[in-house]
Amino acid sequence: MMAKRKISLGELAERVDITPANLSILKTGKAKAIRFSTLEAICRELECQPGDIIEYRKN
């Protein structure tokens, strides 16, 4: 979605008020959890729905 919206990781991190390192962890799928407020802010900035940026993976 970031590429589709032509926004860099740093710019998105600034807009949603999280560190680029934490956003990178989310982007690579290494995060164990995400706050709903963070997910909401990301979706607002990317103009998308949560299902557009997250997926369920069975362990």
C-alpha atoms as a PDB file:
ATOM      1  CA  MET A   1       0.000   0.000   0.000  1.00  0.00           C
ATOM      2  CA  MET A   2       2.879   2.369   0.700  1.00  0.00           C
ATOM      3  CA  ALA A   3       4.233   1.952  -2.828  1.00  0.00           C
ATOM      4  CA  LYS A   4       0.758   2.306  -4.283  1.00  0.00           C
ATOM      5  CA  ARG A   5       0.291   5.583  -2.387  1.00  0.00           C
ATOM      6  CA  LYS A   6       3.885   6.681  -3.153  1.00  0.00           C
ATOM      7  CA  ILE A   7       4.780   7.296   0.489  1.00  0.00           C
ATOM      8  CA  SER A   8       8.068   6.386   2.143  1.00  0.00           C
ATOM      9  CA  LEU A   9       8.421   4.514   5.411  1.00  0.00           C
ATOM     10  CA  GLY A  10       9.886   7.610   7.058  1.00  0.00           C
ATOM     11  CA  GLU A  11       7.082   9.853   5.875  1.00  0.00           C
ATOM     12  CA  LEU A  12       4.381   7.418   6.999  1.00  0.00           C
ATOM     13  CA  ALA A  13       6.075   6.984  10.380  1.00  0.00           C
ATOM     14  CA  GLU A  14       6.096  10.743  10.856  1.00  0.00           C
ATOM     15  CA  ARG A  15       2.445  11.074   9.848  1.00  0.00           C
ATOM     16  CA  VAL A  16       1.272   8.349  12.268  1.00  0.00           C
ATOM     17  CA  ASP A  17       3.684   9.432  15.019  1.00  0.00           C
ATOM     18  CA  ILE A  18       5.659   6.208  15.459  1.00  0.00           C
ATOM     19  CA  THR A  19       9.351   5.555  14.962  1.00  0.00           C
ATOM     20  CA  PRO A  20      10.572   4.363  11.568  1.00  0.00           C
ATOM     21  CA  ALA A  21      12.073   1.341  13.345  1.00  0.00           C
ATOM     22  CA  ASN A  22       8.690   0.327  14.795  1.00  0.00           C
ATOM     23  CA  LEU A  23       6.971   0.852  11.457  1.00  0.00           C
ATOM     24  CA  SER A  24       9.643  -1.292   9.819  1.00  0.00           C
ATOM     25  CA  ILE A  25       8.895  -4.096  12.306  1.00  0.00           C
ATOM     26  CA  LEU A  26       5.219  -3.861  11.375  1.00  0.00           C
ATOM     27  CA  LYS A  27       6.021  -3.776   7.666  1.00  0.00           C
ATOM     28  CA  THR A  28       8.213  -6.891   7.778  1.00  0.00           C
ATOM     29  CA  GLY A  29       5.624  -8.881   9.734  1.00  0.00           C
ATOM     30  CA  LYS A  30       7.839  -9.313  12.792  1.00  0.00           C
ATOM     31  CA  ALA A  31       5.504  -7.460  15.163  1.00  0.00           C
ATOM     32  CA  LYS A  32       3.659  -9.512  17.754  1.00  0.00           C
ATOM     33  CA  ALA A  33       0.898  -6.924  18.198  1.00  0.00           C
ATOM     34  CA  ILE A  34      -0.376  -3.568  16.989  1.00  0.00           C
ATOM     35  CA  ARG A  35      -2.451  -0.991  18.805  1.00  0.00           C
ATOM     36  CA  PHE A  36      -5.800  -0.254  17.227  1.00  0.00           C
ATOM     37  CA  SER A  37      -4.956   3.455  17.346  1.00  0.00           C
ATOM     38  CA  THR A  38      -1.782   2.783  15.313  1.00  0.00           C
ATOM     39  CA  LEU A  39      -3.655   0.612  12.825  1.00  0.00           C
ATOM     40  CA  GLU A  40      -6.329   3.292  12.508  1.00  0.00           C
ATOM     41  CA  ALA A  41      -3.719   6.003  11.885  1.00  0.00           C
ATOM     42  CA  ILE A  42      -1.945   3.906   9.235  1.00  0.00           C
ATOM     43  CA  CYS A  43      -5.222   3.149   7.467  1.00  0.00           C
ATOM     44  CA  ARG A  44      -6.220   6.800   7.597  1.00  0.00           C
ATOM     45  CA  GLU A  45      -2.942   7.921   6.013  1.00  0.00           C
ATOM     46  CA  LEU A  46      -2.924   5.167   3.376  1.00  0.00           C
ATOM     47  CA  GLU A  47      -6.670   5.526   2.712  1.00  0.00           C
ATOM     48  CA  CYS A  48      -7.246   1.796   3.091  1.00  0.00           C
ATOM     49  CA  GLN A  49      -8.935  -0.815   5.267  1.00  0.00           C
ATOM     50  CA  PRO A  50      -7.092  -3.013   7.810  1.00  0.00           C
ATOM     51  CA  GLY A  51      -7.557  -6.060   5.556  1.00  0.00           C
ATOM     52  CA  ASP A  52      -5.595  -4.271   2.840  1.00  0.00           C
ATOM     53  CA  ILE A  53      -2.435  -4.222   4.971  1.00  0.00           C
ATOM     54  CA  ILE A  54      -2.656  -7.193   7.352  1.00  0.00           C
ATOM     55  CA  GLU A  55      -3.244 -10.882   6.836  1.00  0.00           C
ATOM     56  CA  TYR A  56      -3.662 -13.945   9.015  1.00  0.00           C
ATOM     57  CA  ARG A  57      -0.911 -16.543   8.841  1.00  0.00           C
ATOM     58  CA  LYS A  58      -1.308 -19.862  10.608  1.00  0.00           C
ATOM     59  CA  ASN A  59       1.813 -20.774  12.607  1.00  0.00           C
END
